[in-house]
Amino acid sequence: MPFRFLKTIFVAAALFSAACGDYRPCDVLALRVCDECPRVADYWQAACLCVENKTLKEKGYKCLEPVDEDEVRCHATLENWDENTCAELN
């Protein structure tokens, strides 16, 4: 329960910071995937851990800063989020 509460706080903070121009869509996307998609793939779990722990590596996956193309994909996925998104991402 505390883990989910902390995750919710982080997502809220990320969304709030969007108004300040410091919006990180890939971070928000990773947390939304882990929060809303059941049995998420390992690389998404790793992405969530990277975001939450501010680490360089999780579960054997290297955490990378998104490039411009990733940012565009993250925005598009968040804007078009629907009931099929989880299936597409897993």
C-alpha atoms as a PDB file:
ATOM      1  CA  MET A   1       0.000   0.000   0.000  1.00  0.00           C
ATOM      2  CA  PRO A   2       2.697   2.592   0.850  1.00  0.00           C
ATOM      3  CA  PHE A   3       4.468   1.770  -2.446  1.00  0.00           C
ATOM      4  CA  ARG A   4       1.316   2.505  -4.463  1.00  0.00           C
ATOM      5  CA  PHE A   5       0.752   5.723  -2.476  1.00  0.00           C
ATOM      6  CA  LEU A   6       4.301   6.887  -3.196  1.00  0.00           C
ATOM      7  CA  LYS A   7       3.855   6.045  -6.873  1.00  0.00           C
ATOM      8  CA  THR A   8       0.635   8.096  -6.956  1.00  0.00           C
ATOM      9  CA  ILE A   9       2.408  11.040  -5.303  1.00  0.00           C
ATOM     10  CA  PHE A  10       5.210  10.805  -7.872  1.00  0.00           C
ATOM     11  CA  VAL A  11       2.798  10.763 -10.805  1.00  0.00           C
ATOM     12  CA  ALA A  12       0.884  13.706  -9.351  1.00  0.00           C
ATOM     13  CA  ALA A  13       4.145  15.610  -8.889  1.00  0.00           C
ATOM     14  CA  ALA A  14       5.183  14.806 -12.448  1.00  0.00           C
ATOM     15  CA  LEU A  15       1.861  16.020 -13.797  1.00  0.00           C
ATOM     16  CA  PHE A  16       2.000  19.139 -11.637  1.00  0.00           C
ATOM     17  CA  SER A  17       5.482  19.932 -12.891  1.00  0.00           C
ATOM     18  CA  ALA A  18       4.110  19.834 -16.436  1.00  0.00           C
ATOM     19  CA  ALA A  19       2.640  23.248 -15.792  1.00  0.00           C
ATOM     20  CA  CYS A  20       6.129  24.425 -14.900  1.00  0.00           C
ATOM     21  CA  GLY A  21       7.624  23.227 -18.162  1.00  0.00           C
ATOM     22  CA  ASP A  22       9.534  20.311 -16.628  1.00  0.00           C
ATOM     23  CA  TYR A  23       7.214  17.581 -17.928  1.00  0.00           C
ATOM     24  CA  ARG A  24       8.900  14.244 -18.566  1.00  0.00           C
ATOM     25  CA  PRO A  25       6.419  12.207 -20.600  1.00  0.00           C
ATOM     26  CA  CYS A  26       8.545   9.054 -20.633  1.00  0.00           C
ATOM     27  CA  ASP A  27       8.723   9.035 -16.821  1.00  0.00           C
ATOM     28  CA  VAL A  28       4.969   9.560 -16.564  1.00  0.00           C
ATOM     29  CA  LEU A  29       4.367   6.885 -19.195  1.00  0.00           C
ATOM     30  CA  ALA A  30       6.547   4.334 -17.392  1.00  0.00           C
ATOM     31  CA  LEU A  31       4.702   4.896 -14.130  1.00  0.00           C
ATOM     32  CA  ARG A  32       1.289   4.804 -15.788  1.00  0.00           C
ATOM     33  CA  VAL A  33       2.124   1.526 -17.500  1.00  0.00           C
ATOM     34  CA  CYS A  34       3.250  -0.032 -14.217  1.00  0.00           C
ATOM     35  CA  ASP A  35       0.267   1.380 -12.353  1.00  0.00           C
ATOM     36  CA  GLU A  36      -2.474   0.447 -14.822  1.00  0.00           C
ATOM     37  CA  CYS A  37      -1.247  -2.512 -16.873  1.00  0.00           C
ATOM     38  CA  PRO A  38      -1.457  -5.962 -15.237  1.00  0.00           C
ATOM     39  CA  ARG A  39       1.508  -8.323 -15.596  1.00  0.00           C
ATOM     40  CA  VAL A  40       3.635  -5.665 -17.215  1.00  0.00           C
ATOM     41  CA  ALA A  41       6.744  -6.752 -19.135  1.00  0.00           C
ATOM     42  CA  ASP A  42      10.083  -6.786 -17.308  1.00  0.00           C
ATOM     43  CA  TYR A  43      11.491  -3.848 -19.243  1.00  0.00           C
ATOM     44  CA  TRP A  44       8.543  -1.673 -18.165  1.00  0.00           C
ATOM     45  CA  GLN A  45       9.022  -2.769 -14.547  1.00  0.00           C
ATOM     46  CA  ALA A  46      12.670  -1.826 -14.900  1.00  0.00           C
ATOM     47  CA  ALA A  47      11.737   1.563 -16.342  1.00  0.00           C
ATOM     48  CA  CYS A  48       9.481   2.266 -13.359  1.00  0.00           C
ATOM     49  CA  LEU A  49      12.231   1.314 -10.940  1.00  0.00           C
ATOM     50  CA  CYS A  50      14.701   3.517 -12.777  1.00  0.00           C
ATOM     51  CA  VAL A  51      12.326   6.468 -12.513  1.00  0.00           C
ATOM     52  CA  GLU A  52      11.424   5.875  -8.872  1.00  0.00           C
ATOM     53  CA  ASN A  53      14.937   5.111  -7.643  1.00  0.00           C
ATOM     54  CA  LYS A  54      16.769   7.499  -9.976  1.00  0.00           C
ATOM     55  CA  THR A  55      19.167   4.661 -10.745  1.00  0.00           C
ATOM     56  CA  LEU A  56      21.188   3.793 -13.825  1.00  0.00           C
ATOM     57  CA  LYS A  57      20.276   0.115 -13.978  1.00  0.00           C
ATOM     58  CA  GLU A  58      17.381  -2.069 -12.812  1.00  0.00           C
ATOM     59  CA  LYS A  59      16.655  -5.771 -13.384  1.00  0.00           C
ATOM     60  CA  GLY A  60      19.580  -5.971 -15.786  1.00  0.00           C
ATOM     61  CA  TYR A  61      18.246  -3.175 -17.995  1.00  0.00           C
ATOM     62  CA  LYS A  62      20.247   0.015 -18.461  1.00  0.00           C
ATOM     63  CA  CYS A  63      18.185   3.132 -17.859  1.00  0.00           C
ATOM     64  CA  LEU A  64      18.640   5.702 -20.595  1.00  0.00           C
ATOM     65  CA  GLU A  65      17.534   9.288 -20.928  1.00  0.00           C
ATOM     66  CA  PRO A  66      14.917   9.542 -23.674  1.00  0.00           C
ATOM     67  CA  VAL A  67      15.963  11.063 -26.966  1.00  0.00           C
ATOM     68  CA  ASP A  68      13.711  13.383 -28.993  1.00  0.00           C
ATOM     69  CA  GLU A  69      12.113  10.487 -30.881  1.00  0.00           C
ATOM     70  CA  ASP A  70      11.308   8.734 -27.578  1.00  0.00           C
ATOM     71  CA  GLU A  71       9.701  11.899 -26.237  1.00  0.00           C
ATOM     72  CA  VAL A  72       7.420  12.067 -29.293  1.00  0.00           C
ATOM     73  CA  ARG A  73       6.422   8.407 -28.852  1.00  0.00           C
ATOM     74  CA  CYS A  74       5.777   8.910 -25.130  1.00  0.00           C
ATOM     75  CA  HIS A  75       3.564  11.935 -25.774  1.00  0.00           C
ATOM     76  CA  ALA A  76       1.635  10.072 -28.480  1.00  0.00           C
ATOM     77  CA  THR A  77       1.075   7.037 -26.255  1.00  0.00           C
ATOM     78  CA  LEU A  78      -0.138   9.150 -23.327  1.00  0.00           C
ATOM     79  CA  GLU A  79      -2.441  11.238 -25.517  1.00  0.00           C
ATOM     80  CA  ASN A  80      -3.962   8.153 -27.169  1.00  0.00           C
ATOM     81  CA  TRP A  81      -4.191   5.998 -24.026  1.00  0.00           C
ATOM     82  CA  ASP A  82      -7.185   3.642 -24.115  1.00  0.00           C
ATOM     83  CA  GLU A  83      -8.187   0.135 -23.035  1.00  0.00           C
ATOM     84  CA  ASN A  84      -5.939  -1.432 -25.713  1.00  0.00           C
ATOM     85  CA  THR A  85      -2.759   0.421 -24.768  1.00  0.00           C
ATOM     86  CA  CYS A  86      -1.611  -2.109 -22.172  1.00  0.00           C
ATOM     87  CA  ALA A  87      -1.930  -4.967 -24.648  1.00  0.00           C
ATOM     88  CA  GLU A  88       0.062  -3.006 -27.213  1.00  0.00           C
ATOM     89  CA  LEU A  89       2.864  -2.218 -24.744  1.00  0.00           C
ATOM     90  CA  ASN A  90       3.237  -5.763 -23.413  1.00  0.00           C
END
